[in-house]
Amino acid sequence: MEMVSVSGLKNNPSAALRLAQKDVVVVMNRDQPDALMLGVAAGGLLDAKGVKPALATALFRDGHLSLGRAATLAGMEAGQFASHVSRLGIAVIRLNDVETTSDMDTLEQWLASS
């Protein structure tokens, strides 16, 4: 087990990540443990069946990964991943009100010109 301080993590996060690739890292805040860091490759966590698709789905759902990057992480084609998240009730396309209105206006213009 390795240990880094909060200030050490702040000043050199790369060093803490390198340590976490080899072993569990305890992040200490003053004299108290504050967090644990565990490298996913070191524990073989990503190799278990279903872990990569589940992780990719959660990261996509929370807006941390694009559809393409999430699909790559999940080991799926983009269309296959889009179907996967759709079945789970996760929107593949997320537009705000302004974007939706703009898209609808564009669609109406296109339909009128056809």
N, C-alpha and C. Protein backbone atom coordinates (compact mmCIF):
# COMPACT_ATOMS: atom_id res chain seq x y z
N MET A 1 0.84 -1.17 0.00
CA MET A 1 0.00 0.00 0.00
C MET A 1 0.89 1.24 0.00
N GLU A 2 0.47 2.23 -0.78
CA GLU A 2 1.23 3.47 -0.89
C GLU A 2 0.43 4.60 -0.23
N MET A 3 1.08 5.72 0.02
CA MET A 3 0.42 6.86 0.65
C MET A 3 0.89 8.15 -0.01
N VAL A 4 -0.08 9.05 -0.23
CA VAL A 4 0.24 10.41 -0.68
C VAL A 4 -0.59 11.36 0.16
N SER A 5 -0.10 12.56 0.31
CA SER A 5 -0.86 13.59 1.02
C SER A 5 -1.75 14.32 0.02
N VAL A 6 -2.74 15.02 0.51
CA VAL A 6 -3.61 15.80 -0.37
C VAL A 6 -2.78 16.82 -1.14
N SER A 7 -1.84 17.48 -0.45
CA SER A 7 -1.01 18.48 -1.14
C SER A 7 -0.11 17.80 -2.17
N GLY A 8 0.39 16.60 -1.86
CA GLY A 8 1.20 15.86 -2.83
C GLY A 8 0.38 15.46 -4.05
N LEU A 9 -0.87 15.09 -3.82
CA LEU A 9 -1.76 14.75 -4.93
C LEU A 9 -2.03 15.98 -5.78
N LYS A 10 -2.24 17.12 -5.13
CA LYS A 10 -2.50 18.37 -5.85
C LYS A 10 -1.27 18.81 -6.65
N ASN A 11 -0.10 18.71 -6.06
CA ASN A 11 1.12 19.17 -6.71
C ASN A 11 1.62 18.24 -7.80
N ASN A 12 1.39 16.94 -7.64
CA ASN A 12 1.91 15.99 -8.62
C ASN A 12 0.94 14.82 -8.78
N PRO A 13 -0.21 15.05 -9.43
CA PRO A 13 -1.19 13.97 -9.58
C PRO A 13 -0.66 12.81 -10.42
N SER A 14 0.24 13.07 -11.36
CA SER A 14 0.79 12.00 -12.19
C SER A 14 1.54 10.97 -11.36
N ALA A 15 2.27 11.43 -10.35
CA ALA A 15 3.01 10.50 -9.49
C ALA A 15 2.04 9.60 -8.73
N ALA A 16 0.96 10.18 -8.23
CA ALA A 16 -0.04 9.38 -7.50
C ALA A 16 -0.70 8.38 -8.44
N LEU A 17 -0.97 8.78 -9.67
CA LEU A 17 -1.58 7.85 -10.62
C LEU A 17 -0.63 6.71 -10.96
N ARG A 18 0.64 7.01 -11.10
CA ARG A 18 1.63 5.95 -11.36
C ARG A 18 1.67 4.96 -10.20
N LEU A 19 1.61 5.49 -8.97
CA LEU A 19 1.59 4.60 -7.81
C LEU A 19 0.34 3.74 -7.80
N ALA A 20 -0.80 4.33 -8.16
CA ALA A 20 -2.07 3.60 -8.15
C ALA A 20 -2.10 2.50 -9.20
N GLN A 21 -1.28 2.61 -10.24
CA GLN A 21 -1.22 1.56 -11.24
C GLN A 21 -0.56 0.30 -10.68
N LYS A 22 0.20 0.46 -9.61
CA LYS A 22 0.93 -0.66 -9.03
C LYS A 22 0.28 -1.20 -7.77
N ASP A 23 -0.36 -0.33 -6.98
CA ASP A 23 -0.89 -0.73 -5.68
C ASP A 23 -1.97 0.26 -5.25
N VAL A 24 -2.64 -0.06 -4.18
CA VAL A 24 -3.63 0.84 -3.60
C VAL A 24 -2.90 2.05 -3.01
N VAL A 25 -3.45 3.24 -3.24
CA VAL A 25 -2.86 4.46 -2.71
C VAL A 25 -3.86 5.10 -1.75
N VAL A 26 -3.41 5.37 -0.54
CA VAL A 26 -4.22 6.07 0.45
C VAL A 26 -3.86 7.54 0.37
N VAL A 27 -4.88 8.38 0.20
CA VAL A 27 -4.67 9.83 0.18
C VAL A 27 -4.96 10.34 1.59
N MET A 28 -3.95 10.92 2.20
CA MET A 28 -4.06 11.39 3.58
C MET A 28 -4.32 12.90 3.61
N ASN A 29 -5.27 13.29 4.44
CA ASN A 29 -5.56 14.69 4.69
C ASN A 29 -5.19 14.95 6.14
N ARG A 30 -4.08 15.62 6.33
CA ARG A 30 -3.45 15.77 7.63
C ARG A 30 -3.11 14.38 8.14
N ASP A 31 -3.67 13.93 9.23
CA ASP A 31 -3.33 12.61 9.75
C ASP A 31 -4.45 11.60 9.55
N GLN A 32 -5.41 11.94 8.68
CA GLN A 32 -6.56 11.06 8.48
C GLN A 32 -6.63 10.59 7.02
N PRO A 33 -6.95 9.32 6.80
CA PRO A 33 -7.16 8.87 5.41
C PRO A 33 -8.39 9.55 4.84
N ASP A 34 -8.27 10.07 3.63
CA ASP A 34 -9.35 10.84 3.01
C ASP A 34 -9.94 10.12 1.80
N ALA A 35 -9.11 9.36 1.08
CA ALA A 35 -9.58 8.68 -0.12
C ALA A 35 -8.63 7.54 -0.45
N LEU A 36 -9.15 6.65 -1.29
CA LEU A 36 -8.33 5.56 -1.82
C LEU A 36 -8.28 5.68 -3.32
N MET A 37 -7.12 5.40 -3.88
CA MET A 37 -6.97 5.36 -5.33
C MET A 37 -6.56 3.94 -5.70
N LEU A 38 -7.23 3.40 -6.71
CA LEU A 38 -6.92 2.05 -7.17
C LEU A 38 -6.85 2.07 -8.69
N GLY A 39 -5.73 1.69 -9.22
CA GLY A 39 -5.58 1.62 -10.67
C GLY A 39 -6.40 0.47 -11.22
N VAL A 40 -7.23 0.74 -12.19
CA VAL A 40 -8.11 -0.30 -12.73
C VAL A 40 -7.34 -1.39 -13.45
N ALA A 41 -6.24 -1.06 -14.07
CA ALA A 41 -5.46 -2.07 -14.78
C ALA A 41 -4.75 -3.00 -13.80
N ALA A 42 -4.28 -2.46 -12.68
CA ALA A 42 -3.52 -3.26 -11.73
C ALA A 42 -4.38 -4.37 -11.13
N GLY A 43 -5.61 -4.09 -10.84
CA GLY A 43 -6.48 -5.09 -10.24
C GLY A 43 -7.17 -5.96 -11.25
N GLY A 44 -6.96 -5.71 -12.53
CA GLY A 44 -7.66 -6.47 -13.57
C GLY A 44 -9.15 -6.21 -13.57
N LEU A 45 -9.55 -5.08 -13.01
CA LEU A 45 -10.97 -4.76 -12.86
C LEU A 45 -11.70 -4.65 -14.18
N LEU A 46 -11.02 -4.15 -15.20
CA LEU A 46 -11.69 -3.96 -16.49
C LEU A 46 -11.83 -5.25 -17.29
N ASP A 47 -11.16 -6.29 -16.84
CA ASP A 47 -11.19 -7.55 -17.58
C ASP A 47 -12.41 -8.41 -17.27
N ALA A 48 -13.08 -8.13 -16.15
CA ALA A 48 -14.25 -8.93 -15.78
C ALA A 48 -15.38 -8.67 -16.78
N LYS A 49 -16.14 -9.72 -17.06
CA LYS A 49 -17.22 -9.63 -18.05
C LYS A 49 -18.24 -8.56 -17.66
N GLY A 50 -18.55 -7.69 -18.62
CA GLY A 50 -19.58 -6.67 -18.43
C GLY A 50 -19.11 -5.39 -17.79
N VAL A 51 -17.88 -5.35 -17.29
CA VAL A 51 -17.41 -4.16 -16.59
C VAL A 51 -17.21 -2.99 -17.55
N LYS A 52 -16.56 -3.23 -18.69
CA LYS A 52 -16.31 -2.14 -19.64
C LYS A 52 -17.62 -1.55 -20.18
N PRO A 53 -18.59 -2.36 -20.61
CA PRO A 53 -19.86 -1.77 -21.05
C PRO A 53 -20.58 -1.00 -19.95
N ALA A 54 -20.54 -1.53 -18.72
CA ALA A 54 -21.20 -0.84 -17.61
C ALA A 54 -20.53 0.49 -17.30
N LEU A 55 -19.20 0.49 -17.30
CA LEU A 55 -18.45 1.72 -17.04
C LEU A 55 -18.69 2.74 -18.15
N ALA A 56 -18.63 2.28 -19.39
CA ALA A 56 -18.87 3.18 -20.53
C ALA A 56 -20.27 3.75 -20.49
N THR A 57 -21.26 2.93 -20.13
CA THR A 57 -22.64 3.39 -20.05
C THR A 57 -22.80 4.47 -18.98
N ALA A 58 -22.22 4.24 -17.82
CA ALA A 58 -22.32 5.22 -16.73
C ALA A 58 -21.62 6.52 -17.10
N LEU A 59 -20.45 6.43 -17.71
CA LEU A 59 -19.71 7.64 -18.08
C LEU A 59 -20.45 8.41 -19.19
N PHE A 60 -21.06 7.70 -20.13
CA PHE A 60 -21.84 8.36 -21.18
C PHE A 60 -23.08 9.00 -20.58
N ARG A 61 -23.80 8.25 -19.74
CA ARG A 61 -25.03 8.76 -19.11
C ARG A 61 -24.77 10.05 -18.34
N ASP A 62 -23.63 10.11 -17.66
CA ASP A 62 -23.31 11.28 -16.83
C ASP A 62 -22.64 12.40 -17.62
N GLY A 63 -22.45 12.19 -18.93
CA GLY A 63 -21.90 13.25 -19.78
C GLY A 63 -20.39 13.36 -19.77
N HIS A 64 -19.70 12.35 -19.26
CA HIS A 64 -18.24 12.41 -19.19
C HIS A 64 -17.56 11.88 -20.46
N LEU A 65 -18.27 11.05 -21.24
CA LEU A 65 -17.73 10.53 -22.49
C LEU A 65 -18.72 10.76 -23.62
N SER A 66 -18.19 11.02 -24.79
CA SER A 66 -19.04 11.10 -25.98
C SER A 66 -19.52 9.70 -26.34
N LEU A 67 -20.49 9.64 -27.24
CA LEU A 67 -21.01 8.35 -27.69
C LEU A 67 -19.89 7.51 -28.30
N GLY A 68 -19.08 8.12 -29.15
CA GLY A 68 -18.00 7.38 -29.82
C GLY A 68 -16.97 6.85 -28.85
N ARG A 69 -16.55 7.66 -27.91
CA ARG A 69 -15.54 7.22 -26.94
C ARG A 69 -16.11 6.16 -26.00
N ALA A 70 -17.37 6.32 -25.62
CA ALA A 70 -18.00 5.33 -24.76
C ALA A 70 -18.13 4.00 -25.49
N ALA A 71 -18.49 4.06 -26.76
CA ALA A 71 -18.60 2.83 -27.56
C ALA A 71 -17.25 2.13 -27.65
N THR A 72 -16.20 2.89 -27.86
CA THR A 72 -14.86 2.31 -27.93
C THR A 72 -14.49 1.64 -26.61
N LEU A 73 -14.75 2.33 -25.50
CA LEU A 73 -14.46 1.74 -24.19
C LEU A 73 -15.25 0.46 -23.98
N ALA A 74 -16.51 0.45 -24.41
CA ALA A 74 -17.37 -0.71 -24.23
C ALA A 74 -17.01 -1.85 -25.18
N GLY A 75 -16.20 -1.55 -26.20
CA GLY A 75 -15.84 -2.56 -27.19
C GLY A 75 -16.96 -2.82 -28.18
N MET A 76 -17.75 -1.79 -28.47
CA MET A 76 -18.88 -1.92 -29.37
C MET A 76 -18.76 -0.90 -30.51
N GLU A 77 -19.49 -1.17 -31.59
CA GLU A 77 -19.64 -0.17 -32.64
C GLU A 77 -20.55 0.93 -32.10
N ALA A 78 -20.45 2.14 -32.66
CA ALA A 78 -21.24 3.26 -32.16
C ALA A 78 -22.74 3.00 -32.23
N GLY A 79 -23.20 2.42 -33.33
CA GLY A 79 -24.62 2.12 -33.48
C GLY A 79 -25.09 1.08 -32.47
N GLN A 80 -24.26 0.09 -32.24
CA GLN A 80 -24.58 -0.96 -31.27
C GLN A 80 -24.66 -0.36 -29.86
N PHE A 81 -23.72 0.55 -29.53
CA PHE A 81 -23.73 1.18 -28.22
C PHE A 81 -24.94 2.10 -28.08
N ALA A 82 -25.28 2.82 -29.15
CA ALA A 82 -26.46 3.69 -29.11
C ALA A 82 -27.72 2.87 -28.84
N SER A 83 -27.84 1.73 -29.46
CA SER A 83 -28.99 0.84 -29.20
C SER A 83 -28.98 0.34 -27.76
N HIS A 84 -27.79 0.01 -27.27
CA HIS A 84 -27.63 -0.47 -25.90
C HIS A 84 -28.12 0.57 -24.89
N VAL A 85 -27.65 1.82 -25.02
CA VAL A 85 -28.06 2.84 -24.04
C VAL A 85 -29.53 3.22 -24.23
N SER A 86 -30.02 3.18 -25.45
CA SER A 86 -31.43 3.47 -25.69
C SER A 86 -32.32 2.47 -24.98
N ARG A 87 -31.94 1.19 -25.04
CA ARG A 87 -32.71 0.16 -24.34
C ARG A 87 -32.74 0.40 -22.83
N LEU A 88 -31.72 1.06 -22.32
CA LEU A 88 -31.65 1.37 -20.89
C LEU A 88 -32.36 2.67 -20.54
N GLY A 89 -32.94 3.33 -21.55
CA GLY A 89 -33.66 4.58 -21.30
C GLY A 89 -32.77 5.80 -21.23
N ILE A 90 -31.56 5.69 -21.76
CA ILE A 90 -30.62 6.81 -21.76
C ILE A 90 -30.68 7.47 -23.12
N ALA A 91 -30.92 8.78 -23.13
CA ALA A 91 -31.02 9.52 -24.39
C ALA A 91 -29.67 9.53 -25.11
N VAL A 92 -29.71 9.22 -26.39
CA VAL A 92 -28.48 9.21 -27.19
C VAL A 92 -28.15 10.64 -27.62
N ILE A 93 -29.17 11.42 -27.92
CA ILE A 93 -28.98 12.81 -28.33
C ILE A 93 -29.60 13.70 -27.27
N ARG A 94 -28.81 14.62 -26.78
CA ARG A 94 -29.28 15.54 -25.74
C ARG A 94 -29.17 16.96 -26.27
N LEU A 95 -30.31 17.58 -26.47
CA LEU A 95 -30.33 18.96 -26.95
C LEU A 95 -31.03 19.84 -25.92
N ASN A 96 -30.56 21.08 -25.81
CA ASN A 96 -31.28 22.02 -24.96
C ASN A 96 -32.38 22.68 -25.78
N ASP A 97 -33.16 23.55 -25.18
CA ASP A 97 -34.30 24.17 -25.86
C ASP A 97 -33.88 24.95 -27.11
N VAL A 98 -32.79 25.68 -27.02
CA VAL A 98 -32.34 26.50 -28.15
C VAL A 98 -31.92 25.60 -29.32
N GLU A 99 -31.18 24.52 -29.01
CA GLU A 99 -30.74 23.60 -30.06
C GLU A 99 -31.93 22.87 -30.69
N THR A 100 -32.89 22.49 -29.88
CA THR A 100 -34.07 21.81 -30.39
C THR A 100 -34.85 22.73 -31.32
N THR A 101 -35.05 23.98 -30.91
CA THR A 101 -35.77 24.95 -31.74
C THR A 101 -35.04 25.19 -33.05
N SER A 102 -33.72 25.32 -32.97
CA SER A 102 -32.92 25.53 -34.18
C SER A 102 -33.03 24.34 -35.12
N ASP A 103 -32.95 23.13 -34.58
CA ASP A 103 -33.07 21.94 -35.41
C ASP A 103 -34.45 21.83 -36.04
N MET A 104 -35.48 22.17 -35.30
CA MET A 104 -36.84 22.12 -35.84
C MET A 104 -37.02 23.16 -36.95
N ASP A 105 -36.45 24.35 -36.76
CA ASP A 105 -36.51 25.38 -37.81
C ASP A 105 -35.81 24.91 -39.07
N THR A 106 -34.64 24.30 -38.91
CA THR A 106 -33.90 23.78 -40.05
C THR A 106 -34.69 22.69 -40.76
N LEU A 107 -35.31 21.81 -40.00
CA LEU A 107 -36.12 20.75 -40.58
C LEU A 107 -37.30 21.33 -41.36
N GLU A 108 -37.97 22.32 -40.78
CA GLU A 108 -39.12 22.94 -41.48
C GLU A 108 -38.68 23.61 -42.77
N GLN A 109 -37.53 24.29 -42.77
CA GLN A 109 -37.01 24.92 -43.98
C GLN A 109 -36.69 23.85 -45.03
N TRP A 110 -36.08 22.78 -44.60
CA TRP A 110 -35.72 21.71 -45.53
C TRP A 110 -36.98 21.08 -46.12
N LEU A 111 -38.00 20.82 -45.29
CA LEU A 111 -39.24 20.23 -45.78
C LEU A 111 -39.96 21.18 -46.75
N ALA A 112 -39.90 22.47 -46.47
CA ALA A 112 -40.57 23.46 -47.33
C ALA A 112 -39.87 23.54 -48.70
N SER A 113 -38.56 23.31 -48.73
CA SER A 113 -37.83 23.41 -50.00
C SER A 113 -37.90 22.11 -50.82
N SER A 114 -38.38 21.05 -50.22
CA SER A 114 -38.43 19.75 -50.93
C SER A 114 -39.64 19.62 -51.82
